[in-house]
Structure formats: C-alpha cells, structure tokens
Amino acid sequence: MLSRVASSIYWMARYVERAENLARFIEVASSFSLDQPDSGVEQWEPLVRATGDEEYFRNKFGEFSADNVKAFLTFDAEYHSSILTSVNCARENARTVREVISSEAWEELNTLYHFVREASLRQMSQEPAFYDDVVQHCYKFTGILNSTMTRDAGWHFANVGQSLERADKISRILDVKYFTLLRTINDVDTPMDDLLWSAVLRSACGFEMFRKEFHAITVRRVVNFLILNPRFPRAIRHCVEEARESLSQVSGPVPDLQNDSLLKAELLIAELCSTDDDTIINQGMHEFIDALQKSLNEIASAVDTTYFARRPFPEIQQQQQ
C-alpha cells in the first residue's frame, strides 16, 4: 500500500473519532449543566483544558462560557481540532482514497460533512439534538467501515488511527476532570461527587458497562475501568492493544523487531499491565497521564515516521498539534 493511501486512511479515522469524542463531551457537559445550572465555568473550562489550546481560546473567546466553548469546539474553522475542521479533514482524506474504502462508507462520511457544514451556517450548536446527531453519524460511519472493509492493511491503518485518537481523548478528559474534582474537595464522597464521576463515565460511553462491573462509583474504580480495563473498548489499555495488534498485522518497511511504532506500543502495554489503580493515584494521577500522553504521542510519531515518511500531499494531513 502506498504511504499516501495509508496516511489518508489513518487520518480519516482519527478525525472522525475526534469529531465523535468532542460531540459526546459537549453533549454530556450540556446535560450536566441542565441538572446543575449553577455549575457554570467549572463544567466548561475542562473541555478547553483537555484540548491543550487554552491560550488560543483565551485570545479569541475570553470567558469559559457555554456559548464560547461550544463555538470554539464546534464551528471554529480556524481551530485545527473543532468538529467542523475534523469532519472537513476526514472527508478530504477519504476523498483521496475513495477507491480503497467502500462507497457506503464514503456516502455516510459525505452525509456527515454536509450535515455539519449546513449546521455551521445556521449556528446550530445551541440545539441539543445537534451533538447527538453528530455522534450517531460517526457511529454509523465507523460501523459501515468495519462492516464493509476487508481486514487488510487499509482497515488496520484505520483501526490504528481510531484507537490512538480514542486513547488520547479519554486520557485528556479523565485528566482534566480529575483536576477539576480535586479543586472541589468539599464534594468528595458526596452525591455531587458521584454525579461528576458519572459524567466522566458518560463522556466515555462507559456508564452502563461500569455499573455492570462495579456497584459504587469511586475514583479508583473509574481509573481502573477507563485506563486499565483490557475488555472495555474505550479503555486506554484496550485501545493501545488494538493499535498494537493492527500494527503487527501490517507488513511494514522494516521487520517487527525494528518497527519503532510497534515496539513503543508494546512497551506502553507492558507498563499498563504492570500497574494498578492504587499506584496510579498514589504516585500522582496527573503525572501518570502526562507520561501516558507522551507515550501515545511517541507511538503516533513513530507510525508517521515508519509508514508515512513520504507524503505527496502534505497539506491534506493537518496533524494534531
């Protein structure tokens, strides 16, 4: 497979996953604000912190209000990771490899693109149903892609892109939410604490599955479930294992023992398998996730170097900053 094709498929999947995660985070935050109308900035600031682009946000929007955060994450065409930009980039990458993906997958992604584009012209970010519609379109696209693509190199690159993006976003929302909860120490072990951690689980589509495994919500159980669980598809360990498995199935330009992306993924998996929730919290949750995000970025960089080093169309791949 040409490196250009592999890169486009990889970024197509990453951008769709990014749009889905952002839409779900905003949807959960909106629901929480309706339940707790006095939550104010405390509920919306973490979504901006999770992007790592607070300076850009402050310079352009200023206050962490619901309207400003929604405008930033949804329809800001100048921001490289807004829903609008992510969907545009996903479609553009898909357009260049239409002969590799199924027509059904292309049509669904094209439908999502036109839906978000038309919504941006009408500024529909204040309509509660909009974010659920984006999530449903992304689910449908991913389901179609998985149901219609042969499990060859193309599908594996899409799986790597989706898995790395998912792990990154779960780690970021968990980190900033944990930081926010620590600042409200009076709410620890109260119904408000349960409500806030429930919102974190809902942001990861994991509330019901968490309840099947655990009865009461505690910090350690949430950390265990969203970081270390090998079976939940949005847990970070599961995502990295998915990426590792797909990388091992792709015949790369170098042997496996010299494949830096595969070796880094295996190293991260070994680290996740050798720790537990008590160790993560006692040694510092923020520090652990910082190191985790660095490892995820190193895997992504190694994938780029190993497989996509030569790109005829570099302007298409607007890489994560």
C-alpha atoms as a PDB file:
ATOM      1  CA  MET A   1       0.000   0.000   0.000  1.00  0.00           C
ATOM      2  CA  LEU A   2       1.263   3.482  -0.880  1.00  0.00           C
ATOM      3  CA  SER A   3       2.247   5.596   2.115  1.00  0.00           C
ATOM      4  CA  ARG A   4      -0.080   8.352   0.860  1.00  0.00           C
ATOM      5  CA  VAL A   5      -3.066   5.993   0.897  1.00  0.00           C
ATOM      6  CA  ALA A   6      -2.195   4.546   4.302  1.00  0.00           C
ATOM      7  CA  SER A   7      -1.763   8.036   5.759  1.00  0.00           C
ATOM      8  CA  SER A   8      -5.093   9.262   4.386  1.00  0.00           C
ATOM      9  CA  ILE A   9      -6.984   6.272   5.792  1.00  0.00           C
ATOM     10  CA  TYR A  10      -5.260   6.650   9.166  1.00  0.00           C
ATOM     11  CA  TRP A  11      -6.113  10.351   9.441  1.00  0.00           C
ATOM     12  CA  MET A  12      -9.621   9.871   8.106  1.00  0.00           C
ATOM     13  CA  ALA A  13     -10.327   7.520  11.021  1.00  0.00           C
ATOM     14  CA  ARG A  14      -8.588   9.771  13.570  1.00  0.00           C
ATOM     15  CA  TYR A  15     -10.582  12.821  12.527  1.00  0.00           C
ATOM     16  CA  VAL A  16     -13.940  11.020  12.653  1.00  0.00           C
ATOM     17  CA  GLU A  17     -13.084   9.687  16.109  1.00  0.00           C
ATOM     18  CA  ARG A  18     -12.051  13.200  17.174  1.00  0.00           C
ATOM     19  CA  ALA A  19     -15.335  14.707  15.994  1.00  0.00           C
ATOM     20  CA  GLU A  20     -17.314  11.992  17.763  1.00  0.00           C
ATOM     21  CA  ASN A  21     -15.468  12.459  21.053  1.00  0.00           C
ATOM     22  CA  LEU A  22     -15.856  16.240  21.004  1.00  0.00           C
ATOM     23  CA  ALA A  23     -19.582  15.968  20.250  1.00  0.00           C
ATOM     24  CA  ARG A  24     -20.062  13.483  23.082  1.00  0.00           C
ATOM     25  CA  PHE A  25     -18.064  15.567  25.579  1.00  0.00           C
ATOM     26  CA  ILE A  26     -20.157  18.649  24.772  1.00  0.00           C
ATOM     27  CA  GLU A  27     -23.397  16.673  24.895  1.00  0.00           C
ATOM     28  CA  VAL A  28     -22.569  15.309  28.373  1.00  0.00           C
ATOM     29  CA  ALA A  29     -21.461  18.744  29.609  1.00  0.00           C
ATOM     30  CA  SER A  30     -24.722  20.260  28.360  1.00  0.00           C
ATOM     31  CA  SER A  31     -26.781  17.603  30.132  1.00  0.00           C
ATOM     32  CA  PHE A  32     -24.820  18.116  33.331  1.00  0.00           C
ATOM     33  CA  SER A  33     -25.391  21.872  33.144  1.00  0.00           C
ATOM     34  CA  LEU A  34     -29.134  21.301  32.899  1.00  0.00           C
ATOM     35  CA  ASP A  35     -29.014  19.108  36.015  1.00  0.00           C
ATOM     36  CA  GLN A  36     -26.685  21.515  37.841  1.00  0.00           C
ATOM     37  CA  PRO A  37     -27.378  25.007  36.454  1.00  0.00           C
ATOM     38  CA  ASP A  38     -25.014  26.616  38.992  1.00  0.00           C
ATOM     39  CA  SER A  39     -22.002  24.628  37.725  1.00  0.00           C
ATOM     40  CA  GLY A  40     -21.070  27.437  35.305  1.00  0.00           C
ATOM     41  CA  VAL A  41     -17.445  27.699  34.238  1.00  0.00           C
ATOM     42  CA  GLU A  42     -16.499  24.652  36.317  1.00  0.00           C
ATOM     43  CA  GLN A  43     -18.238  22.428  33.773  1.00  0.00           C
ATOM     44  CA  TRP A  44     -16.999  24.071  30.555  1.00  0.00           C
ATOM     45  CA  GLU A  45     -13.415  25.056  31.294  1.00  0.00           C
ATOM     46  CA  PRO A  46     -12.222  21.390  31.470  1.00  0.00           C
ATOM     47  CA  LEU A  47     -13.298  20.811  27.863  1.00  0.00           C
ATOM     48  CA  VAL A  48     -10.952  23.561  26.712  1.00  0.00           C
ATOM     49  CA  ARG A  49      -8.188  22.395  29.045  1.00  0.00           C
ATOM     50  CA  ALA A  50      -8.479  18.937  27.510  1.00  0.00           C
ATOM     51  CA  THR A  51      -7.530  20.343  24.104  1.00  0.00           C
ATOM     52  CA  GLY A  52      -4.294  21.875  25.365  1.00  0.00           C
ATOM     53  CA  ASP A  53      -5.180  25.045  23.422  1.00  0.00           C
ATOM     54  CA  GLU A  54      -6.247  27.341  26.254  1.00  0.00           C
ATOM     55  CA  GLU A  55      -4.095  30.237  25.029  1.00  0.00           C
ATOM     56  CA  TYR A  56      -5.771  30.212  21.612  1.00  0.00           C
ATOM     57  CA  PHE A  57      -9.194  30.057  23.287  1.00  0.00           C
ATOM     58  CA  ARG A  58      -8.479  32.929  25.691  1.00  0.00           C
ATOM     59  CA  ASN A  59      -7.140  35.137  22.907  1.00  0.00           C
ATOM     60  CA  LYS A  60     -10.163  34.550  20.691  1.00  0.00           C
ATOM     61  CA  PHE A  61     -13.059  33.949  23.082  1.00  0.00           C
ATOM     62  CA  GLY A  62     -12.003  35.067  26.554  1.00  0.00           C
ATOM     63  CA  GLU A  63     -14.521  33.728  29.090  1.00  0.00           C
ATOM     64  CA  PHE A  64     -15.177  29.997  29.540  1.00  0.00           C
ATOM     65  CA  SER A  65     -18.906  30.318  28.977  1.00  0.00           C
ATOM     66  CA  ALA A  66     -21.043  27.567  27.498  1.00  0.00           C
ATOM     67  CA  ASP A  67     -21.608  29.559  24.294  1.00  0.00           C
ATOM     68  CA  ASN A  68     -17.909  30.352  23.843  1.00  0.00           C
ATOM     69  CA  VAL A  69     -16.739  26.798  24.475  1.00  0.00           C
ATOM     70  CA  LYS A  70     -19.344  25.380  22.100  1.00  0.00           C
ATOM     71  CA  ALA A  71     -18.371  27.877  19.398  1.00  0.00           C
ATOM     72  CA  PHE A  72     -14.692  27.022  19.865  1.00  0.00           C
ATOM     73  CA  LEU A  73     -15.068  23.245  19.795  1.00  0.00           C
ATOM     74  CA  THR A  74     -17.857  23.035  17.238  1.00  0.00           C
ATOM     75  CA  PHE A  75     -17.701  25.544  14.384  1.00  0.00           C
ATOM     76  CA  ASP A  76     -14.400  27.406  14.681  1.00  0.00           C
ATOM     77  CA  ALA A  77     -12.992  26.935  11.181  1.00  0.00           C
ATOM     78  CA  GLU A  78      -9.622  28.371  12.254  1.00  0.00           C
ATOM     79  CA  TYR A  79      -9.166  25.875  15.076  1.00  0.00           C
ATOM     80  CA  HIS A  80      -7.423  22.708  13.893  1.00  0.00           C
ATOM     81  CA  SER A  81      -9.456  20.303  16.049  1.00  0.00           C
ATOM     82  CA  SER A  82     -13.012  21.655  16.055  1.00  0.00           C
ATOM     83  CA  ILE A  83     -15.811  19.360  14.952  1.00  0.00           C
ATOM     84  CA  LEU A  84     -16.156  21.335  11.716  1.00  0.00           C
ATOM     85  CA  THR A  85     -12.438  21.148  10.922  1.00  0.00           C
ATOM     86  CA  SER A  86     -12.198  17.478  11.913  1.00  0.00           C
ATOM     87  CA  VAL A  87     -15.098  16.465   9.667  1.00  0.00           C
ATOM     88  CA  ASN A  88     -13.732  18.559   6.789  1.00  0.00           C
ATOM     89  CA  CYS A  89     -10.303  16.918   7.112  1.00  0.00           C
ATOM     90  CA  ALA A  90     -11.803  13.425   7.445  1.00  0.00           C
ATOM     91  CA  ARG A  91     -13.805  13.903   4.248  1.00  0.00           C
ATOM     92  CA  GLU A  92     -10.845  15.357   2.334  1.00  0.00           C
ATOM     93  CA  ASN A  93      -8.643  12.423   3.327  1.00  0.00           C
ATOM     94  CA  ALA A  94     -11.404   9.987   2.375  1.00  0.00           C
ATOM     95  CA  ARG A  95     -11.902  11.728  -0.972  1.00  0.00           C
ATOM     96  CA  THR A  96      -8.322  10.963  -1.986  1.00  0.00           C
ATOM     97  CA  VAL A  97      -8.751   7.223  -1.262  1.00  0.00           C
ATOM     98  CA  ARG A  98     -12.295   6.581  -2.441  1.00  0.00           C
ATOM     99  CA  GLU A  99     -11.114   3.561  -4.387  1.00  0.00           C
ATOM    100  CA  VAL A 100      -9.914   1.931  -1.138  1.00  0.00           C
ATOM    101  CA  ILE A 101     -12.938   2.462   1.119  1.00  0.00           C
ATOM    102  CA  SER A 102     -16.467   1.276   0.351  1.00  0.00           C
ATOM    103  CA  SER A 103     -18.952   3.542  -1.400  1.00  0.00           C
ATOM    104  CA  GLU A 104     -21.291   3.152   1.583  1.00  0.00           C
ATOM    105  CA  ALA A 105     -18.614   4.483   3.969  1.00  0.00           C
ATOM    106  CA  TRP A 106     -17.867   7.412   1.652  1.00  0.00           C
ATOM    107  CA  GLU A 107     -21.558   8.288   1.325  1.00  0.00           C
ATOM    108  CA  GLU A 108     -22.044   8.306   5.098  1.00  0.00           C
ATOM    109  CA  LEU A 109     -18.981  10.479   5.665  1.00  0.00           C
ATOM    110  CA  ASN A 110     -20.148  12.817   2.926  1.00  0.00           C
ATOM    111  CA  THR A 111     -23.555  12.994   4.619  1.00  0.00           C
ATOM    112  CA  LEU A 112     -21.878  13.893   7.919  1.00  0.00           C
ATOM    113  CA  TYR A 113     -19.812  16.569   6.185  1.00  0.00           C
ATOM    114  CA  HIS A 114     -22.853  18.265   4.637  1.00  0.00           C
ATOM    115  CA  PHE A 115     -24.819  17.982   7.898  1.00  0.00           C
ATOM    116  CA  VAL A 116     -22.089  19.715   9.931  1.00  0.00           C
ATOM    117  CA  ARG A 117     -21.406  22.292   7.197  1.00  0.00           C
ATOM    118  CA  GLU A 118     -25.072  23.275   6.946  1.00  0.00           C
ATOM    119  CA  ALA A 119     -25.353  23.358  10.734  1.00  0.00           C
ATOM    120  CA  SER A 120     -22.360  25.703  10.926  1.00  0.00           C
ATOM    121  CA  LEU A 121     -24.045  28.133   8.535  1.00  0.00           C
ATOM    122  CA  ARG A 122     -27.096  28.177  10.788  1.00  0.00           C
ATOM    123  CA  GLN A 123     -25.032  28.083  14.021  1.00  0.00           C
ATOM    124  CA  MET A 124     -26.932  25.096  15.400  1.00  0.00           C
ATOM    125  CA  SER A 125     -24.515  24.462  18.278  1.00  0.00           C
ATOM    126  CA  GLN A 126     -27.173  25.567  20.769  1.00  0.00           C
ATOM    127  CA  GLU A 127     -29.581  22.849  19.662  1.00  0.00           C
ATOM    128  CA  PRO A 128     -29.251  19.818  21.990  1.00  0.00           C
ATOM    129  CA  ALA A 129     -30.031  17.317  19.224  1.00  0.00           C
ATOM    130  CA  PHE A 130     -27.134  18.514  17.051  1.00  0.00           C
ATOM    131  CA  TYR A 131     -24.387  16.802  19.063  1.00  0.00           C
ATOM    132  CA  ASP A 132     -26.298  13.560  19.349  1.00  0.00           C
ATOM    133  CA  ASP A 133     -26.783  13.614  15.570  1.00  0.00           C
ATOM    134  CA  VAL A 134     -23.025  14.082  15.047  1.00  0.00           C
ATOM    135  CA  VAL A 135     -22.293  11.151  17.367  1.00  0.00           C
ATOM    136  CA  GLN A 136     -24.820   8.950  15.581  1.00  0.00           C
ATOM    137  CA  HIS A 137     -23.359   9.810  12.163  1.00  0.00           C
ATOM    138  CA  CYS A 138     -19.859   8.951  13.428  1.00  0.00           C
ATOM    139  CA  TYR A 139     -21.097   5.672  14.896  1.00  0.00           C
ATOM    140  CA  LYS A 140     -22.775   4.841  11.615  1.00  0.00           C
ATOM    141  CA  PHE A 141     -19.654   5.648   9.594  1.00  0.00           C
ATOM    142  CA  THR A 142     -17.444   3.520  11.851  1.00  0.00           C
ATOM    143  CA  GLY A 143     -19.940   0.650  11.740  1.00  0.00           C
ATOM    144  CA  ILE A 144     -20.159   0.796   7.949  1.00  0.00           C
ATOM    145  CA  LEU A 145     -16.378   0.957   7.619  1.00  0.00           C
ATOM    146  CA  ASN A 146     -15.949  -2.084   9.879  1.00  0.00           C
ATOM    147  CA  SER A 147     -18.706  -3.980   8.080  1.00  0.00           C
ATOM    148  CA  THR A 148     -17.564  -3.323   4.519  1.00  0.00           C
ATOM    149  CA  MET A 149     -13.753  -3.186   4.550  1.00  0.00           C
ATOM    150  CA  THR A 150     -11.587  -6.231   4.071  1.00  0.00           C
ATOM    151  CA  ARG A 151      -9.276  -6.733   7.046  1.00  0.00           C
ATOM    152  CA  ASP A 152      -6.234  -5.743   5.015  1.00  0.00           C
ATOM    153  CA  ALA A 153      -3.646  -3.011   5.521  1.00  0.00           C
ATOM    154  CA  GLY A 154      -6.191  -0.259   4.850  1.00  0.00           C
ATOM    155  CA  TRP A 155      -8.530  -1.380   7.618  1.00  0.00           C
ATOM    156  CA  HIS A 156      -5.639  -1.861  10.030  1.00  0.00           C
ATOM    157  CA  PHE A 157      -4.390   1.693   9.463  1.00  0.00           C
ATOM    158  CA  ALA A 158      -7.917   2.986  10.120  1.00  0.00           C
ATOM    159  CA  ASN A 159      -8.023   0.931  13.321  1.00  0.00           C
ATOM    160  CA  VAL A 160      -4.662   2.299  14.462  1.00  0.00           C
ATOM    161  CA  GLY A 161      -5.815   5.874  13.839  1.00  0.00           C
ATOM    162  CA  GLN A 162      -9.117   5.405  15.625  1.00  0.00           C
ATOM    163  CA  SER A 163      -7.540   3.585  18.592  1.00  0.00           C
ATOM    164  CA  LEU A 164      -4.773   6.143  19.188  1.00  0.00           C
ATOM    165  CA  GLU A 165      -7.191   9.065  18.910  1.00  0.00           C
ATOM    166  CA  ARG A 166      -9.640   7.399  21.299  1.00  0.00           C
ATOM    167  CA  ALA A 167      -6.940   6.664  23.881  1.00  0.00           C
ATOM    168  CA  ASP A 168      -5.672  10.238  23.680  1.00  0.00           C
ATOM    169  CA  LYS A 169      -9.096  11.820  24.156  1.00  0.00           C
ATOM    170  CA  ILE A 170     -10.081   9.522  27.049  1.00  0.00           C
ATOM    171  CA  SER A 171      -6.822  10.293  28.831  1.00  0.00           C
ATOM    172  CA  ARG A 172      -7.295  14.040  28.366  1.00  0.00           C
ATOM    173  CA  ILE A 173     -10.879  14.197  29.607  1.00  0.00           C
ATOM    174  CA  LEU A 174     -10.022  11.974  32.578  1.00  0.00           C
ATOM    175  CA  ASP A 175      -7.041  14.156  33.479  1.00  0.00           C
ATOM    176  CA  VAL A 176      -8.837  17.494  33.405  1.00  0.00           C
ATOM    177  CA  LYS A 177     -11.967  16.168  35.090  1.00  0.00           C
ATOM    178  CA  TYR A 178      -9.848  14.679  37.869  1.00  0.00           C
ATOM    179  CA  PHE A 179      -8.089  18.040  38.281  1.00  0.00           C
ATOM    180  CA  THR A 180     -11.436  19.834  38.430  1.00  0.00           C
ATOM    181  CA  LEU A 181     -12.793  17.433  41.043  1.00  0.00           C
ATOM    182  CA  LEU A 182      -9.710  17.836  43.219  1.00  0.00           C
ATOM    183  CA  ARG A 183     -10.338  21.586  43.352  1.00  0.00           C
ATOM    184  CA  THR A 184     -13.796  20.973  44.861  1.00  0.00           C
ATOM    185  CA  ILE A 185     -12.630  18.893  47.810  1.00  0.00           C
ATOM    186  CA  ASN A 186     -15.858  19.540  49.734  1.00  0.00           C
ATOM    187  CA  ASP A 187     -17.747  17.482  47.162  1.00  0.00           C
ATOM    188  CA  VAL A 188     -15.653  14.322  47.689  1.00  0.00           C
ATOM    189  CA  ASP A 189     -17.735  11.315  48.773  1.00  0.00           C
ATOM    190  CA  THR A 190     -20.985  13.227  48.285  1.00  0.00           C
ATOM    191  CA  PRO A 191     -23.829  12.772  45.789  1.00  0.00           C
ATOM    192  CA  MET A 192     -22.225  15.601  43.769  1.00  0.00           C
ATOM    193  CA  ASP A 193     -19.015  13.568  43.575  1.00  0.00           C
ATOM    194  CA  ASP A 194     -20.972  10.603  42.211  1.00  0.00           C
ATOM    195  CA  LEU A 195     -22.717  12.849  39.697  1.00  0.00           C
ATOM    196  CA  LEU A 196     -19.426  14.289  38.444  1.00  0.00           C
ATOM    197  CA  TRP A 197     -17.760  10.893  38.041  1.00  0.00           C
ATOM    198  CA  SER A 198     -20.904   9.628  36.330  1.00  0.00           C
ATOM    199  CA  ALA A 199     -20.452  12.453  33.814  1.00  0.00           C
ATOM    200  CA  VAL A 200     -16.860  11.317  33.207  1.00  0.00           C
ATOM    201  CA  LEU A 201     -18.065   7.767  32.546  1.00  0.00           C
ATOM    202  CA  ARG A 202     -20.828   9.004  30.239  1.00  0.00           C
ATOM    203  CA  SER A 203     -18.263  11.065  28.334  1.00  0.00           C
ATOM    204  CA  ALA A 204     -16.522   7.761  27.596  1.00  0.00           C
ATOM    205  CA  CYS A 205     -19.796   5.903  26.859  1.00  0.00           C
ATOM    206  CA  GLY A 206     -18.909   3.707  29.812  1.00  0.00           C
ATOM    207  CA  PHE A 207     -21.528   4.356  32.481  1.00  0.00           C
ATOM    208  CA  GLU A 208     -23.656   1.248  31.933  1.00  0.00           C
ATOM    209  CA  MET A 209     -20.674  -1.057  31.430  1.00  0.00           C
ATOM    210  CA  PHE A 210     -19.053   0.355  34.567  1.00  0.00           C
ATOM    211  CA  ARG A 211     -22.212  -0.377  36.533  1.00  0.00           C
ATOM    212  CA  LYS A 212     -22.196  -3.962  35.306  1.00  0.00           C
ATOM    213  CA  GLU A 213     -18.701  -4.410  36.722  1.00  0.00           C
ATOM    214  CA  PHE A 214     -18.872  -2.242  39.841  1.00  0.00           C
ATOM    215  CA  HIS A 215     -21.670  -1.151  42.160  1.00  0.00           C
ATOM    216  CA  ALA A 216     -20.495   2.085  43.757  1.00  0.00           C
ATOM    217  CA  ILE A 217     -18.567   4.787  41.899  1.00  0.00           C
ATOM    218  CA  THR A 218     -15.137   5.531  43.375  1.00  0.00           C
ATOM    219  CA  VAL A 219     -12.106   7.304  41.960  1.00  0.00           C
ATOM    220  CA  ARG A 220     -10.022   4.127  41.934  1.00  0.00           C
ATOM    221  CA  ARG A 221     -12.703   2.134  40.149  1.00  0.00           C
ATOM    222  CA  VAL A 222     -13.142   4.799  37.473  1.00  0.00           C
ATOM    223  CA  VAL A 223      -9.369   4.936  36.946  1.00  0.00           C
ATOM    224  CA  ASN A 224      -9.216   1.155  36.740  1.00  0.00           C
ATOM    225  CA  PHE A 225     -12.092   0.999  34.280  1.00  0.00           C
ATOM    226  CA  LEU A 226     -11.057   3.815  31.916  1.00  0.00           C
ATOM    227  CA  ILE A 227      -7.303   3.215  31.938  1.00  0.00           C
ATOM    228  CA  LEU A 228      -6.519  -0.405  32.773  1.00  0.00           C
ATOM    229  CA  ASN A 229      -9.523  -2.434  31.634  1.00  0.00           C
ATOM    230  CA  PRO A 230      -8.486  -4.815  28.809  1.00  0.00           C
ATOM    231  CA  ARG A 231     -12.074  -5.540  27.693  1.00  0.00           C
ATOM    232  CA  PHE A 232     -13.882  -2.191  27.585  1.00  0.00           C
ATOM    233  CA  PRO A 233     -13.350  -0.837  24.028  1.00  0.00           C
ATOM    234  CA  ARG A 234     -12.766   2.746  25.151  1.00  0.00           C
ATOM    235  CA  ALA A 235     -10.363   1.935  27.968  1.00  0.00           C
ATOM    236  CA  ILE A 236      -6.862   3.167  27.218  1.00  0.00           C
ATOM    237  CA  ARG A 237      -5.214  -0.226  27.635  1.00  0.00           C
ATOM    238  CA  HIS A 238      -7.698  -1.821  25.225  1.00  0.00           C
ATOM    239  CA  CYS A 239      -7.137   0.958  22.664  1.00  0.00           C
ATOM    240  CA  VAL A 240      -3.357   0.587  22.764  1.00  0.00           C
ATOM    241  CA  GLU A 241      -3.688  -3.200  22.441  1.00  0.00           C
ATOM    242  CA  GLU A 242      -5.919  -2.687  19.399  1.00  0.00           C
ATOM    243  CA  ALA A 243      -3.349  -0.371  17.830  1.00  0.00           C
ATOM    244  CA  ARG A 244      -0.548  -2.833  18.596  1.00  0.00           C
ATOM    245  CA  GLU A 245      -2.456  -5.731  17.071  1.00  0.00           C
ATOM    246  CA  SER A 246      -3.155  -3.827  13.848  1.00  0.00           C
ATOM    247  CA  LEU A 247       0.443  -2.621  13.581  1.00  0.00           C
ATOM    248  CA  SER A 248       1.599  -6.225  13.936  1.00  0.00           C
ATOM    249  CA  GLN A 249      -0.667  -7.221  11.023  1.00  0.00           C
ATOM    250  CA  VAL A 250       0.743  -4.643   8.603  1.00  0.00           C
ATOM    251  CA  SER A 251       3.760  -5.584   6.538  1.00  0.00           C
ATOM    252  CA  GLY A 252       5.862  -2.534   7.206  1.00  0.00           C
ATOM    253  CA  PRO A 253       9.004  -1.271   5.533  1.00  0.00           C
ATOM    254  CA  VAL A 254      11.086  -2.703   8.413  1.00  0.00           C
ATOM    255  CA  PRO A 255      10.980  -6.001  10.370  1.00  0.00           C
ATOM    256  CA  ASP A 256       8.871  -6.078  13.547  1.00  0.00           C
ATOM    257  CA  LEU A 257      11.961  -6.009  15.755  1.00  0.00           C
ATOM    258  CA  GLN A 258      12.957  -2.716  14.118  1.00  0.00           C
ATOM    259  CA  ASN A 259       9.442  -1.235  13.909  1.00  0.00           C
ATOM    260  CA  ASP A 260       9.598   1.643  16.381  1.00  0.00           C
ATOM    261  CA  SER A 261       5.821   2.181  16.454  1.00  0.00           C
ATOM    262  CA  LEU A 262       5.170  -1.466  17.312  1.00  0.00           C
ATOM    263  CA  LEU A 263       7.930  -1.547  19.923  1.00  0.00           C
ATOM    264  CA  LYS A 264       6.640   1.631  21.614  1.00  0.00           C
ATOM    265  CA  ALA A 265       3.096   0.265  21.676  1.00  0.00           C
ATOM    266  CA  GLU A 266       4.284  -2.983  23.257  1.00  0.00           C
ATOM    267  CA  LEU A 267       6.292  -1.030  25.843  1.00  0.00           C
ATOM    268  CA  LEU A 268       3.259   1.045  26.824  1.00  0.00           C
ATOM    269  CA  ILE A 269       1.096  -2.064  27.109  1.00  0.00           C
ATOM    270  CA  ALA A 270       3.687  -3.675  29.384  1.00  0.00           C
ATOM    271  CA  GLU A 271       3.655  -0.562  31.593  1.00  0.00           C
ATOM    272  CA  LEU A 272      -0.150  -0.552  31.792  1.00  0.00           C
ATOM    273  CA  CYS A 273      -0.239  -4.267  32.603  1.00  0.00           C
ATOM    274  CA  SER A 274       2.292  -3.854  35.407  1.00  0.00           C
ATOM    275  CA  THR A 275       0.487  -1.072  37.307  1.00  0.00           C
ATOM    276  CA  ASP A 276      -2.798  -0.751  39.198  1.00  0.00           C
ATOM    277  CA  ASP A 277      -5.241   1.971  40.212  1.00  0.00           C
ATOM    278  CA  ASP A 278      -3.713   2.481  43.678  1.00  0.00           C
ATOM    279  CA  THR A 279      -0.271   3.020  42.179  1.00  0.00           C
ATOM    280  CA  ILE A 280      -1.596   5.494  39.613  1.00  0.00           C
ATOM    281  CA  ILE A 281      -3.398   7.615  42.208  1.00  0.00           C
ATOM    282  CA  ASN A 282      -0.755   7.410  44.943  1.00  0.00           C
ATOM    283  CA  GLN A 283       2.062   8.379  42.579  1.00  0.00           C
ATOM    284  CA  GLY A 284       0.025  11.186  41.021  1.00  0.00           C
ATOM    285  CA  MET A 285      -2.795  10.901  38.527  1.00  0.00           C
ATOM    286  CA  HIS A 286      -1.781  13.976  36.534  1.00  0.00           C
ATOM    287  CA  GLU A 287       1.837  12.852  36.314  1.00  0.00           C
ATOM    288  CA  PHE A 288       0.793   9.380  35.182  1.00  0.00           C
ATOM    289  CA  ILE A 289      -1.463  10.725  32.432  1.00  0.00           C
ATOM    290  CA  ASP A 290       1.183  13.212  31.321  1.00  0.00           C
ATOM    291  CA  ALA A 291       3.592  10.302  30.813  1.00  0.00           C
ATOM    292  CA  LEU A 292       0.819   8.291  29.147  1.00  0.00           C
ATOM    293  CA  GLN A 293       0.046  11.052  26.664  1.00  0.00           C
ATOM    294  CA  LYS A 294       3.727  11.423  25.897  1.00  0.00           C
ATOM    295  CA  SER A 295       3.878   7.683  25.129  1.00  0.00           C
ATOM    296  CA  LEU A 296       0.789   7.907  22.893  1.00  0.00           C
ATOM    297  CA  ASN A 297       2.321  10.842  21.021  1.00  0.00           C
ATOM    298  CA  GLU A 298       5.556   8.889  20.582  1.00  0.00           C
ATOM    299  CA  ILE A 299       3.636   5.938  19.115  1.00  0.00           C
ATOM    300  CA  ALA A 300       1.797   8.250  16.708  1.00  0.00           C
ATOM    301  CA  SER A 301       5.052   9.950  15.718  1.00  0.00           C
ATOM    302  CA  ALA A 302       6.684   6.558  15.139  1.00  0.00           C
ATOM    303  CA  VAL A 303       3.744   5.466  12.959  1.00  0.00           C
ATOM    304  CA  ASP A 304       4.219   8.619  10.902  1.00  0.00           C
ATOM    305  CA  THR A 305       7.969   8.117  10.574  1.00  0.00           C
ATOM    306  CA  THR A 306       7.777   4.393   9.846  1.00  0.00           C
ATOM    307  CA  TYR A 307       4.879   4.316   7.395  1.00  0.00           C
ATOM    308  CA  PHE A 308       4.110   7.840   6.127  1.00  0.00           C
ATOM    309  CA  ALA A 309       7.523   9.476   5.846  1.00  0.00           C
ATOM    310  CA  ARG A 310       6.955  10.484   2.231  1.00  0.00           C
ATOM    311  CA  ARG A 311       3.719  12.343   1.547  1.00  0.00           C
ATOM    312  CA  PRO A 312       2.901  13.655  -1.939  1.00  0.00           C
ATOM    313  CA  PHE A 313       0.031  15.714  -0.450  1.00  0.00           C
ATOM    314  CA  PRO A 314       1.187  17.013   2.951  1.00  0.00           C
ATOM    315  CA  GLU A 315      -1.437  19.747   3.030  1.00  0.00           C
ATOM    316  CA  ILE A 316      -4.184  17.169   3.430  1.00  0.00           C
ATOM    317  CA  GLN A 317      -2.892  15.707   6.674  1.00  0.00           C
ATOM    318  CA  GLN A 318      -3.485  18.511   9.169  1.00  0.00           C
ATOM    319  CA  GLN A 319      -1.796  16.687  12.006  1.00  0.00           C
ATOM    320  CA  GLN A 320      -2.738  17.015  15.640  1.00  0.00           C
ATOM    321  CA  GLN A 321      -0.932  19.860  17.318  1.00  0.00           C
END
